[in-house]
Amino acid sequence: MNEKISVIVPVYNVEKYLDKCLESIVHQTYRNLEIILVDDGSSDNCPAMCDEWAGKDKRIKVIHKENGGLSSARNAGLDFATGEYIVFVDSDDWLDTDAVEKLLRAAVENRADIVASGFYFENESGTSSIQDLRVSSFENEDIAFALLTDEIRPEVCSKLYSARLIGKLRFDESMKYAEDLPFNFNVMLKAKKLFCMAVSCYHYYQRNAGSITSSYISAARAESWKMFNSFYEQCSGREKLKTACTYRFTIYTFGILNRVIPFKEYRKKYFKEISDGLIRYKKEIMQNSLISKKHKCSLMLLAFNRYLYLAVYWLVFRF
């Protein structure tokens, strides 16, 4: 194996974490790497740190750009990449030393366009949990179906992609909260084979999340409508994928709805609108064999009486 692999690392105000991330990449057992650091307008010491790393390892290339967000930074990396395969690493995460070698070997041996590994959730307290996968492979339409039905996780990290498969596909820079899912959906619609390794080799660092904000809810709500409308359009004539889209829309939208409820201000502002979005697809949801009885009962209750749904929510989650 001697294929060049482009490792794309978006960097934004992560001076506390960057060295650990880059140490894990430059010391990979697989050496033929093109390491692309995309400084997305950082205001801390990251720009200088990136340049310093590039001075120490000739495989590292640095792009300095104005702040445009995660999708913009990843796209800049894709535009620059010359490798036969692409790996994404977030700059506060890190890899096991043999992660890239394992991913590439799995791709070559299984003739896969995409390889997915499990990963570790790490948090600030120093504890971790593992998200393993079982050995499995998916082909053609079943790949996107598996993505939409949670058999394949939506994150682009912990995966290896054929650069030829990605081609000119790019992240939607207008999306701020769910950018990985539509990118993966578009890529996986083109893929012939995806292989899942029963190995975890990516460490996903979970920093303490900030409190929910009105801007988050507004953006997440708008993005979900846009994203799933696009999915439905692309699934025209593919009933199996349309069923999976409805499943994913239901799970995603109930997730937003239930995050809104505990906050009186946001509940007054968004609860009815998000509820209406679910009720609008009541027929499709109720007829969908992938959707659980729990979610169908929740929708029936929501459609019958929103206030009763709220009362049940408080009974279930308060006690």
C-alpha atoms as a PDB file:
ATOM      1  CA  MET A   1       0.000   0.000   0.000  1.00  0.00           C
ATOM      2  CA  ASN A   2       1.434   3.340  -1.027  1.00  0.00           C
ATOM      3  CA  GLU A   3      -1.598   5.459  -1.879  1.00  0.00           C
ATOM      4  CA  LYS A   4      -1.390   9.080  -0.796  1.00  0.00           C
ATOM      5  CA  ILE A   5      -3.960  10.008   1.834  1.00  0.00           C
ATOM      6  CA  SER A   6      -5.006  13.616   2.391  1.00  0.00           C
ATOM      7  CA  VAL A   7      -5.825  14.333   6.031  1.00  0.00           C
ATOM      8  CA  ILE A   8      -7.914  17.508   6.300  1.00  0.00           C
ATOM      9  CA  VAL A   9      -7.866  19.312   9.656  1.00  0.00           C
ATOM     10  CA  PRO A  10     -10.033  22.460  10.057  1.00  0.00           C
ATOM     11  CA  VAL A  11      -8.484  24.677  12.745  1.00  0.00           C
ATOM     12  CA  TYR A  12     -10.310  27.397  14.664  1.00  0.00           C
ATOM     13  CA  ASN A  13      -9.331  28.677  18.126  1.00  0.00           C
ATOM     14  CA  VAL A  14      -8.189  25.313  19.484  1.00  0.00           C
ATOM     15  CA  GLU A  15      -4.694  26.146  20.730  1.00  0.00           C
ATOM     16  CA  LYS A  16      -5.315  24.044  23.849  1.00  0.00           C
ATOM     17  CA  TYR A  17      -5.974  20.895  21.810  1.00  0.00           C
ATOM     18  CA  LEU A  18      -4.102  21.314  18.516  1.00  0.00           C
ATOM     19  CA  ASP A  19      -0.739  19.822  19.473  1.00  0.00           C
ATOM     20  CA  LYS A  20      -2.290  16.566  20.685  1.00  0.00           C
ATOM     21  CA  CYS A  21      -4.304  16.269  17.488  1.00  0.00           C
ATOM     22  CA  LEU A  22      -1.322  16.866  15.213  1.00  0.00           C
ATOM     23  CA  GLU A  23       1.004  14.635  17.231  1.00  0.00           C
ATOM     24  CA  SER A  24      -1.426  11.784  16.605  1.00  0.00           C
ATOM     25  CA  ILE A  25      -1.433  12.464  12.855  1.00  0.00           C
ATOM     26  CA  VAL A  26       2.275  12.975  12.154  1.00  0.00           C
ATOM     27  CA  HIS A  27       3.141   9.797  14.082  1.00  0.00           C
ATOM     28  CA  GLN A  28       0.817   7.556  12.086  1.00  0.00           C
ATOM     29  CA  THR A  29       2.328   4.196  11.144  1.00  0.00           C
ATOM     30  CA  TYR A  30       1.200   4.911   7.573  1.00  0.00           C
ATOM     31  CA  ARG A  31       3.567   7.583   6.322  1.00  0.00           C
ATOM     32  CA  ASN A  32       2.352   8.656   2.861  1.00  0.00           C
ATOM     33  CA  LEU A  33       0.182  11.484   4.113  1.00  0.00           C
ATOM     34  CA  GLU A  34      -0.669  14.948   2.897  1.00  0.00           C
ATOM     35  CA  ILE A  35      -1.686  16.805   6.067  1.00  0.00           C
ATOM     36  CA  ILE A  36      -3.757  19.902   5.283  1.00  0.00           C
ATOM     37  CA  LEU A  37      -4.289  22.369   8.127  1.00  0.00           C
ATOM     38  CA  VAL A  38      -6.985  24.921   7.329  1.00  0.00           C
ATOM     39  CA  ASP A  39      -6.710  27.881   9.690  1.00  0.00           C
ATOM     40  CA  ASP A  40     -10.215  29.325   9.523  1.00  0.00           C
ATOM     41  CA  GLY A  41      -9.382  32.826  10.746  1.00  0.00           C
ATOM     42  CA  SER A  42      -8.357  31.811  14.267  1.00  0.00           C
ATOM     43  CA  SER A  43      -7.906  34.676  16.731  1.00  0.00           C
ATOM     44  CA  ASP A  44      -5.710  32.706  19.161  1.00  0.00           C
ATOM     45  CA  ASN A  45      -2.234  31.251  18.638  1.00  0.00           C
ATOM     46  CA  CYS A  46      -3.377  28.597  16.156  1.00  0.00           C
ATOM     47  CA  PRO A  47      -2.079  30.332  12.980  1.00  0.00           C
ATOM     48  CA  ALA A  48       1.464  30.438  14.369  1.00  0.00           C
ATOM     49  CA  MET A  49       1.162  26.886  15.698  1.00  0.00           C
ATOM     50  CA  CYS A  50       0.109  25.615  12.270  1.00  0.00           C
ATOM     51  CA  ASP A  51       3.077  27.323  10.611  1.00  0.00           C
ATOM     52  CA  GLU A  52       5.425  25.926  13.247  1.00  0.00           C
ATOM     53  CA  TRP A  53       4.178  22.405  12.621  1.00  0.00           C
ATOM     54  CA  ALA A  54       4.601  22.867   8.863  1.00  0.00           C
ATOM     55  CA  GLY A  55       8.208  23.860   9.488  1.00  0.00           C
ATOM     56  CA  LYS A  56       8.809  20.589  11.338  1.00  0.00           C
ATOM     57  CA  ASP A  57       7.120  18.192   8.883  1.00  0.00           C
ATOM     58  CA  LYS A  58       7.203  18.681   5.118  1.00  0.00           C
ATOM     59  CA  ARG A  59       3.979  16.664   4.725  1.00  0.00           C
ATOM     60  CA  ILE A  60       2.044  19.476   6.425  1.00  0.00           C
ATOM     61  CA  LYS A  61       0.522  22.220   4.281  1.00  0.00           C
ATOM     62  CA  VAL A  62      -1.200  25.246   5.831  1.00  0.00           C
ATOM     63  CA  ILE A  63      -4.058  27.281   4.414  1.00  0.00           C
ATOM     64  CA  HIS A  64      -4.826  30.578   6.162  1.00  0.00           C
ATOM     65  CA  LYS A  65      -8.263  31.961   5.316  1.00  0.00           C
ATOM     66  CA  GLU A  66     -10.941  34.286   6.632  1.00  0.00           C
ATOM     67  CA  ASN A  67     -13.412  32.721   9.015  1.00  0.00           C
ATOM     68  CA  GLY A  68     -16.145  30.912   7.131  1.00  0.00           C
ATOM     69  CA  GLY A  69     -17.136  28.078   9.432  1.00  0.00           C
ATOM     70  CA  LEU A  70     -16.430  24.362   9.546  1.00  0.00           C
ATOM     71  CA  SER A  71     -17.906  23.530   6.134  1.00  0.00           C
ATOM     72  CA  SER A  72     -15.958  26.322   4.467  1.00  0.00           C
ATOM     73  CA  ALA A  73     -12.715  25.109   6.043  1.00  0.00           C
ATOM     74  CA  ARG A  74     -13.317  21.519   4.985  1.00  0.00           C
ATOM     75  CA  ASN A  75     -14.135  22.649   1.452  1.00  0.00           C
ATOM     76  CA  ALA A  76     -10.885  24.612   1.292  1.00  0.00           C
ATOM     77  CA  GLY A  77      -9.079  21.435   2.299  1.00  0.00           C
ATOM     78  CA  LEU A  78     -10.890  19.389  -0.345  1.00  0.00           C
ATOM     79  CA  ASP A  79     -10.033  21.940  -3.030  1.00  0.00           C
ATOM     80  CA  PHE A  80      -6.352  21.664  -2.081  1.00  0.00           C
ATOM     81  CA  ALA A  81      -6.160  17.886  -1.564  1.00  0.00           C
ATOM     82  CA  THR A  82      -4.239  15.711  -4.030  1.00  0.00           C
ATOM     83  CA  GLY A  83      -4.496  12.340  -2.271  1.00  0.00           C
ATOM     84  CA  GLU A  84      -6.268   9.245  -3.552  1.00  0.00           C
ATOM     85  CA  TYR A  85      -8.168   9.034  -0.269  1.00  0.00           C
ATOM     86  CA  ILE A  86      -9.529  11.636   2.146  1.00  0.00           C
ATOM     87  CA  VAL A  87      -9.674  11.534   5.949  1.00  0.00           C
ATOM     88  CA  PHE A  88     -11.230  14.306   8.062  1.00  0.00           C
ATOM     89  CA  VAL A  89      -9.971  14.984  11.592  1.00  0.00           C
ATOM     90  CA  ASP A  90     -11.415  17.721  13.814  1.00  0.00           C
ATOM     91  CA  SER A  91      -8.676  19.698  15.527  1.00  0.00           C
ATOM     92  CA  ASP A  92      -9.723  18.884  19.104  1.00  0.00           C
ATOM     93  CA  ASP A  93      -9.840  15.142  18.361  1.00  0.00           C
ATOM     94  CA  TRP A  94      -7.055  12.612  17.840  1.00  0.00           C
ATOM     95  CA  LEU A  95      -6.284   9.274  16.188  1.00  0.00           C
ATOM     96  CA  ASP A  96      -4.827   5.993  17.325  1.00  0.00           C
ATOM     97  CA  THR A  97      -1.334   5.620  15.875  1.00  0.00           C
ATOM     98  CA  ASP A  98      -2.391   2.973  13.346  1.00  0.00           C
ATOM     99  CA  ALA A  99      -5.778   4.468  12.454  1.00  0.00           C
ATOM    100  CA  VAL A 100      -4.970   5.501   8.882  1.00  0.00           C
ATOM    101  CA  GLU A 101      -3.207   2.215   8.127  1.00  0.00           C
ATOM    102  CA  LYS A 102      -6.221   0.218   9.324  1.00  0.00           C
ATOM    103  CA  LEU A 103      -8.669   2.345   7.341  1.00  0.00           C
ATOM    104  CA  LEU A 104      -6.662   2.095   4.122  1.00  0.00           C
ATOM    105  CA  ARG A 105      -6.033  -1.640   4.473  1.00  0.00           C
ATOM    106  CA  ALA A 106      -9.771  -2.198   4.927  1.00  0.00           C
ATOM    107  CA  ALA A 107     -10.505  -0.101   1.829  1.00  0.00           C
ATOM    108  CA  VAL A 108      -8.011  -2.001  -0.323  1.00  0.00           C
ATOM    109  CA  GLU A 109      -8.839  -5.494   0.916  1.00  0.00           C
ATOM    110  CA  ASN A 110     -12.606  -4.955   0.631  1.00  0.00           C
ATOM    111  CA  ARG A 111     -12.542  -2.790  -2.501  1.00  0.00           C
ATOM    112  CA  ALA A 112     -14.600  -0.200  -0.665  1.00  0.00           C
ATOM    113  CA  ASP A 113     -15.215   3.424  -1.650  1.00  0.00           C
ATOM    114  CA  ILE A 114     -15.738   4.342   2.014  1.00  0.00           C
ATOM    115  CA  VAL A 115     -14.536   2.739   5.231  1.00  0.00           C
ATOM    116  CA  ALA A 116     -16.058   3.571   8.620  1.00  0.00           C
ATOM    117  CA  SER A 117     -14.540   2.776  11.997  1.00  0.00           C
ATOM    118  CA  GLY A 118     -15.908   3.013  15.496  1.00  0.00           C
ATOM    119  CA  PHE A 119     -14.698   5.743  17.813  1.00  0.00           C
ATOM    120  CA  TYR A 120     -14.217   6.764  21.405  1.00  0.00           C
ATOM    121  CA  PHE A 121     -16.161   9.554  23.070  1.00  0.00           C
ATOM    122  CA  GLU A 122     -13.734  11.452  25.309  1.00  0.00           C
ATOM    123  CA  ASN A 123     -14.804  14.203  27.703  1.00  0.00           C
ATOM    124  CA  GLU A 124     -13.201  16.888  29.833  1.00  0.00           C
ATOM    125  CA  SER A 125     -13.313  14.766  32.979  1.00  0.00           C
ATOM    126  CA  GLY A 126     -11.007  12.218  31.371  1.00  0.00           C
ATOM    127  CA  THR A 127     -13.556   9.434  31.013  1.00  0.00           C
ATOM    128  CA  SER A 128     -14.366   7.805  27.711  1.00  0.00           C
ATOM    129  CA  SER A 129     -16.921   5.493  26.164  1.00  0.00           C
ATOM    130  CA  ILE A 130     -16.608   3.437  23.025  1.00  0.00           C
ATOM    131  CA  GLN A 131     -18.891   3.427  19.985  1.00  0.00           C
ATOM    132  CA  ASP A 132     -17.986   0.193  18.215  1.00  0.00           C
ATOM    133  CA  LEU A 133     -19.287  -1.024  14.888  1.00  0.00           C
ATOM    134  CA  ARG A 134     -19.855  -4.602  13.803  1.00  0.00           C
ATOM    135  CA  VAL A 135     -18.095  -5.888  10.704  1.00  0.00           C
ATOM    136  CA  SER A 136     -20.491  -5.241   7.850  1.00  0.00           C
ATOM    137  CA  SER A 137     -20.651  -3.908   4.333  1.00  0.00           C
ATOM    138  CA  PHE A 138     -23.300  -2.086   2.356  1.00  0.00           C
ATOM    139  CA  GLU A 139     -23.629  -1.702  -1.386  1.00  0.00           C
ATOM    140  CA  ASN A 140     -25.295   0.778  -3.729  1.00  0.00           C
ATOM    141  CA  GLU A 141     -28.630   2.158  -2.459  1.00  0.00           C
ATOM    142  CA  ASP A 142     -28.290   0.275   0.828  1.00  0.00           C
ATOM    143  CA  ILE A 143     -25.413   2.596   1.817  1.00  0.00           C
ATOM    144  CA  ALA A 144     -27.549   5.748   1.924  1.00  0.00           C
ATOM    145  CA  PHE A 145     -30.377   3.726   3.486  1.00  0.00           C
ATOM    146  CA  ALA A 146     -28.052   2.604   6.297  1.00  0.00           C
ATOM    147  CA  LEU A 147     -26.956   6.206   6.861  1.00  0.00           C
ATOM    148  CA  LEU A 148     -30.528   7.464   7.191  1.00  0.00           C
ATOM    149  CA  THR A 149     -31.562   4.627   9.501  1.00  0.00           C
ATOM    150  CA  ASP A 150     -28.605   5.017  11.909  1.00  0.00           C
ATOM    151  CA  GLU A 151     -26.712   1.866  10.935  1.00  0.00           C
ATOM    152  CA  ILE A 152     -23.951   4.230   9.799  1.00  0.00           C
ATOM    153  CA  ARG A 153     -23.219   7.298  11.892  1.00  0.00           C
ATOM    154  CA  PRO A 154     -23.488  10.669  10.092  1.00  0.00           C
ATOM    155  CA  GLU A 155     -20.109  12.137  11.113  1.00  0.00           C
ATOM    156  CA  VAL A 156     -17.444  12.462   8.415  1.00  0.00           C
ATOM    157  CA  CYS A 157     -14.691  11.899  10.974  1.00  0.00           C
ATOM    158  CA  SER A 158     -13.751   8.249  11.658  1.00  0.00           C
ATOM    159  CA  LYS A 159     -14.184   7.474   7.956  1.00  0.00           C
ATOM    160  CA  LEU A 160     -11.938   7.174   4.914  1.00  0.00           C
ATOM    161  CA  TYR A 161     -13.286   8.257   1.513  1.00  0.00           C
ATOM    162  CA  SER A 162     -12.134   7.665  -2.023  1.00  0.00           C
ATOM    163  CA  ALA A 163     -11.199  11.097  -3.383  1.00  0.00           C
ATOM    164  CA  ARG A 164     -12.555  10.060  -6.771  1.00  0.00           C
ATOM    165  CA  LEU A 165     -15.919   9.302  -5.156  1.00  0.00           C
ATOM    166  CA  ILE A 166     -16.113  12.751  -3.547  1.00  0.00           C
ATOM    167  CA  GLY A 167     -15.103  14.427  -6.793  1.00  0.00           C
ATOM    168  CA  LYS A 168     -16.616  17.904  -6.875  1.00  0.00           C
ATOM    169  CA  LEU A 169     -19.086  17.310  -4.037  1.00  0.00           C
ATOM    170  CA  ARG A 170     -18.647  19.810  -1.227  1.00  0.00           C
ATOM    171  CA  PHE A 171     -20.157  20.677   2.155  1.00  0.00           C
ATOM    172  CA  ASP A 172     -23.112  23.076   2.193  1.00  0.00           C
ATOM    173  CA  GLU A 173     -21.586  26.213   3.717  1.00  0.00           C
ATOM    174  CA  SER A 174     -25.004  27.619   4.616  1.00  0.00           C
ATOM    175  CA  MET A 175     -25.483  24.839   7.185  1.00  0.00           C
ATOM    176  CA  LYS A 176     -24.030  25.285  10.671  1.00  0.00           C
ATOM    177  CA  TYR A 177     -25.413  22.442  12.799  1.00  0.00           C
ATOM    178  CA  ALA A 178     -25.884  19.330  10.657  1.00  0.00           C
ATOM    179  CA  GLU A 179     -23.359  19.732   7.863  1.00  0.00           C
ATOM    180  CA  ASP A 180     -22.041  16.158   7.972  1.00  0.00           C
ATOM    181  CA  LEU A 181     -25.323  14.388   7.212  1.00  0.00           C
ATOM    182  CA  PRO A 182     -26.124  15.993   3.815  1.00  0.00           C
ATOM    183  CA  PHE A 183     -22.497  15.680   2.703  1.00  0.00           C
ATOM    184  CA  ASN A 184     -22.450  11.992   3.578  1.00  0.00           C
ATOM    185  CA  PHE A 185     -25.859  11.455   2.000  1.00  0.00           C
ATOM    186  CA  ASN A 186     -24.701  12.954  -1.300  1.00  0.00           C
ATOM    187  CA  VAL A 187     -21.432  11.010  -1.263  1.00  0.00           C
ATOM    188  CA  MET A 188     -23.071   7.740  -0.270  1.00  0.00           C
ATOM    189  CA  LEU A 189     -25.657   7.994  -3.034  1.00  0.00           C
ATOM    190  CA  LYS A 190     -22.701   7.696  -5.430  1.00  0.00           C
ATOM    191  CA  ALA A 191     -20.814   4.955  -3.564  1.00  0.00           C
ATOM    192  CA  LYS A 192     -20.714   1.338  -4.702  1.00  0.00           C
ATOM    193  CA  LYS A 193     -19.498  -0.142  -1.422  1.00  0.00           C
ATOM    194  CA  LEU A 194     -19.013   0.934   2.202  1.00  0.00           C
ATOM    195  CA  PHE A 195     -17.189  -1.286   4.682  1.00  0.00           C
ATOM    196  CA  CYS A 196     -17.510  -1.001   8.483  1.00  0.00           C
ATOM    197  CA  MET A 197     -14.584  -2.115  10.653  1.00  0.00           C
ATOM    198  CA  ALA A 198     -15.207  -3.635  14.073  1.00  0.00           C
ATOM    199  CA  VAL A 199     -12.417  -1.429  15.381  1.00  0.00           C
ATOM    200  CA  SER A 200     -12.427   1.984  17.067  1.00  0.00           C
ATOM    201  CA  CYS A 201      -9.455   4.198  16.250  1.00  0.00           C
ATOM    202  CA  TYR A 202     -10.805   7.785  16.349  1.00  0.00           C
ATOM    203  CA  HIS A 203     -11.083   9.776  19.594  1.00  0.00           C
ATOM    204  CA  TYR A 204     -13.920  12.288  19.537  1.00  0.00           C
ATOM    205  CA  TYR A 205     -13.434  14.931  22.226  1.00  0.00           C
ATOM    206  CA  GLN A 206     -16.682  16.259  23.655  1.00  0.00           C
ATOM    207  CA  ARG A 207     -16.275  19.670  25.192  1.00  0.00           C
ATOM    208  CA  ASN A 208     -19.016  20.859  27.517  1.00  0.00           C
ATOM    209  CA  ALA A 209     -21.812  22.107  25.319  1.00  0.00           C
ATOM    210  CA  GLY A 210     -23.070  25.619  25.785  1.00  0.00           C
ATOM    211  CA  SER A 211     -26.673  26.310  26.667  1.00  0.00           C
ATOM    212  CA  ILE A 212     -29.287  26.078  23.954  1.00  0.00           C
ATOM    213  CA  THR A 213     -29.908  29.379  22.169  1.00  0.00           C
ATOM    214  CA  SER A 214     -32.658  30.863  20.052  1.00  0.00           C
ATOM    215  CA  SER A 215     -30.262  31.158  17.119  1.00  0.00           C
ATOM    216  CA  TYR A 216     -29.467  27.445  17.394  1.00  0.00           C
ATOM    217  CA  ILE A 217     -33.143  26.467  17.382  1.00  0.00           C
ATOM    218  CA  SER A 218     -33.954  28.798  14.508  1.00  0.00           C
ATOM    219  CA  ALA A 219     -31.042  27.562  12.412  1.00  0.00           C
ATOM    220  CA  ALA A 220     -31.588  23.879  13.236  1.00  0.00           C
ATOM    221  CA  ARG A 221     -35.292  24.176  12.381  1.00  0.00           C
ATOM    222  CA  ALA A 222     -34.615  25.917   9.070  1.00  0.00           C
ATOM    223  CA  GLU A 223     -31.780  23.565   8.185  1.00  0.00           C
ATOM    224  CA  SER A 224     -33.874  20.474   8.856  1.00  0.00           C
ATOM    225  CA  TRP A 225     -36.617  21.582   6.443  1.00  0.00           C
ATOM    226  CA  LYS A 226     -34.053  22.460   3.770  1.00  0.00           C
ATOM    227  CA  MET A 227     -32.046  19.280   4.242  1.00  0.00           C
ATOM    228  CA  PHE A 228     -34.946  16.858   4.135  1.00  0.00           C
ATOM    229  CA  ASN A 229     -36.639  18.604   1.210  1.00  0.00           C
ATOM    230  CA  SER A 230     -33.386  18.093  -0.688  1.00  0.00           C
ATOM    231  CA  PHE A 231     -33.228  14.452   0.380  1.00  0.00           C
ATOM    232  CA  TYR A 232     -36.793  13.799  -0.775  1.00  0.00           C
ATOM    233  CA  GLU A 233     -36.063  15.374  -4.161  1.00  0.00           C
ATOM    234  CA  GLN A 234     -33.013  13.159  -4.632  1.00  0.00           C
ATOM    235  CA  CYS A 235     -34.997  10.080  -3.618  1.00  0.00           C
ATOM    236  CA  SER A 236     -37.665  10.591  -6.256  1.00  0.00           C
ATOM    237  CA  GLY A 237     -38.607   7.167  -7.585  1.00  0.00           C
ATOM    238  CA  ARG A 238     -36.686   5.358  -4.826  1.00  0.00           C
ATOM    239  CA  GLU A 239     -39.363   4.309  -2.359  1.00  0.00           C
ATOM    240  CA  LYS A 240     -36.982   2.524  -0.002  1.00  0.00           C
ATOM    241  CA  LEU A 241     -34.874   5.669   0.415  1.00  0.00           C
ATOM    242  CA  LYS A 242     -37.956   7.881   0.757  1.00  0.00           C
ATOM    243  CA  THR A 243     -39.095   5.669   3.635  1.00  0.00           C
ATOM    244  CA  ALA A 244     -35.675   6.099   5.260  1.00  0.00           C
ATOM    245  CA  CYS A 245     -35.847   9.883   4.732  1.00  0.00           C
ATOM    246  CA  THR A 246     -39.189  10.034   6.527  1.00  0.00           C
ATOM    247  CA  TYR A 247     -37.716   8.016   9.401  1.00  0.00           C
ATOM    248  CA  ARG A 248     -34.725  10.332   9.723  1.00  0.00           C
ATOM    249  CA  PHE A 249     -36.878  13.461   9.460  1.00  0.00           C
ATOM    250  CA  THR A 250     -39.129  12.190  12.256  1.00  0.00           C
ATOM    251  CA  ILE A 251     -36.279  11.347  14.639  1.00  0.00           C
ATOM    252  CA  TYR A 252     -34.432  14.591  13.906  1.00  0.00           C
ATOM    253  CA  THR A 253     -37.484  16.843  14.248  1.00  0.00           C
ATOM    254  CA  PHE A 254     -38.713  15.229  17.467  1.00  0.00           C
ATOM    255  CA  GLY A 255     -35.195  15.780  18.799  1.00  0.00           C
ATOM    256  CA  ILE A 256     -35.418  19.522  18.108  1.00  0.00           C
ATOM    257  CA  LEU A 257     -38.964  19.692  19.496  1.00  0.00           C
ATOM    258  CA  ASN A 258     -38.021  18.052  22.778  1.00  0.00           C
ATOM    259  CA  ARG A 259     -35.005  20.331  23.209  1.00  0.00           C
ATOM    260  CA  VAL A 260     -37.307  23.350  22.900  1.00  0.00           C
ATOM    261  CA  ILE A 261     -39.887  22.283  25.485  1.00  0.00           C
ATOM    262  CA  PRO A 262     -37.900  22.897  28.716  1.00  0.00           C
ATOM    263  CA  PHE A 263     -37.373  26.579  27.840  1.00  0.00           C
ATOM    264  CA  LYS A 264     -40.481  28.745  28.154  1.00  0.00           C
ATOM    265  CA  GLU A 265     -39.223  31.468  25.794  1.00  0.00           C
ATOM    266  CA  TYR A 266     -38.348  29.009  23.036  1.00  0.00           C
ATOM    267  CA  ARG A 267     -41.423  26.891  23.647  1.00  0.00           C
ATOM    268  CA  LYS A 268     -43.673  29.905  23.011  1.00  0.00           C
ATOM    269  CA  LYS A 269     -41.703  30.871  19.919  1.00  0.00           C
ATOM    270  CA  TYR A 270     -41.065  27.549  18.190  1.00  0.00           C
ATOM    271  CA  PHE A 271     -43.192  24.737  19.631  1.00  0.00           C
ATOM    272  CA  LYS A 272     -46.231  25.184  17.379  1.00  0.00           C
ATOM    273  CA  GLU A 273     -44.205  25.634  14.216  1.00  0.00           C
ATOM    274  CA  ILE A 274     -42.066  22.548  14.804  1.00  0.00           C
ATOM    275  CA  SER A 275     -45.156  20.545  15.793  1.00  0.00           C
ATOM    276  CA  ASP A 276     -46.892  21.608  12.593  1.00  0.00           C
ATOM    277  CA  GLY A 277     -43.900  20.366  10.608  1.00  0.00           C
ATOM    278  CA  LEU A 278     -44.364  16.895  12.064  1.00  0.00           C
ATOM    279  CA  ILE A 279     -48.152  16.891  11.799  1.00  0.00           C
ATOM    280  CA  ARG A 280     -47.895  17.870   8.126  1.00  0.00           C
ATOM    281  CA  TYR A 281     -46.329  14.453   7.448  1.00  0.00           C
ATOM    282  CA  LYS A 282     -48.616  12.516   9.783  1.00  0.00           C
ATOM    283  CA  LYS A 283     -49.855  10.117   7.100  1.00  0.00           C
ATOM    284  CA  GLU A 284     -46.355   9.266   5.861  1.00  0.00           C
ATOM    285  CA  ILE A 285     -45.040   8.833   9.406  1.00  0.00           C
ATOM    286  CA  MET A 286     -47.902   6.610  10.561  1.00  0.00           C
ATOM    287  CA  GLN A 287     -47.501   4.344   7.518  1.00  0.00           C
ATOM    288  CA  ASN A 288     -43.725   4.074   7.897  1.00  0.00           C
ATOM    289  CA  SER A 289     -42.608   0.656   9.130  1.00  0.00           C
ATOM    290  CA  LEU A 290     -39.220   1.992  10.286  1.00  0.00           C
ATOM    291  CA  ILE A 291     -40.670   4.431  12.816  1.00  0.00           C
ATOM    292  CA  SER A 292     -41.224   3.150  16.347  1.00  0.00           C
ATOM    293  CA  LYS A 293     -44.591   2.892  18.082  1.00  0.00           C
ATOM    294  CA  LYS A 294     -43.273   5.388  20.624  1.00  0.00           C
ATOM    295  CA  HIS A 295     -42.798   8.077  17.976  1.00  0.00           C
ATOM    296  CA  LYS A 296     -46.090   7.268  16.276  1.00  0.00           C
ATOM    297  CA  CYS A 297     -47.947   7.537  19.595  1.00  0.00           C
ATOM    298  CA  SER A 298     -46.141  10.802  20.305  1.00  0.00           C
ATOM    299  CA  LEU A 299     -47.258  12.164  16.953  1.00  0.00           C
ATOM    300  CA  MET A 300     -50.865  11.068  17.501  1.00  0.00           C
ATOM    301  CA  LEU A 301     -50.864  12.801  20.874  1.00  0.00           C
ATOM    302  CA  LEU A 302     -49.287  15.914  19.374  1.00  0.00           C
ATOM    303  CA  ALA A 303     -51.872  16.041  16.592  1.00  0.00           C
ATOM    304  CA  PHE A 304     -54.751  15.459  19.016  1.00  0.00           C
ATOM    305  CA  ASN A 305     -53.749  18.066  21.596  1.00  0.00           C
ATOM    306  CA  ARG A 306     -50.419  19.876  21.869  1.00  0.00           C
ATOM    307  CA  TYR A 307     -51.008  20.802  25.496  1.00  0.00           C
ATOM    308  CA  LEU A 308     -51.653  17.178  26.392  1.00  0.00           C
ATOM    309  CA  TYR A 309     -48.347  16.281  24.700  1.00  0.00           C
ATOM    310  CA  LEU A 310     -46.607  18.887  26.867  1.00  0.00           C
ATOM    311  CA  ALA A 311     -48.240  17.509  30.000  1.00  0.00           C
ATOM    312  CA  VAL A 312     -47.097  13.980  29.193  1.00  0.00           C
ATOM    313  CA  TYR A 313     -43.603  15.259  28.375  1.00  0.00           C
ATOM    314  CA  TRP A 314     -43.290  16.869  31.811  1.00  0.00           C
ATOM    315  CA  LEU A 315     -44.600  13.751  33.549  1.00  0.00           C
ATOM    316  CA  VAL A 316     -42.106  11.518  31.751  1.00  0.00           C
ATOM    317  CA  PHE A 317     -39.007  13.704  31.936  1.00  0.00           C
ATOM    318  CA  ARG A 318     -39.467  15.501  35.252  1.00  0.00           C
ATOM    319  CA  PHE A 319     -39.842  12.345  37.329  1.00  0.00           C
END
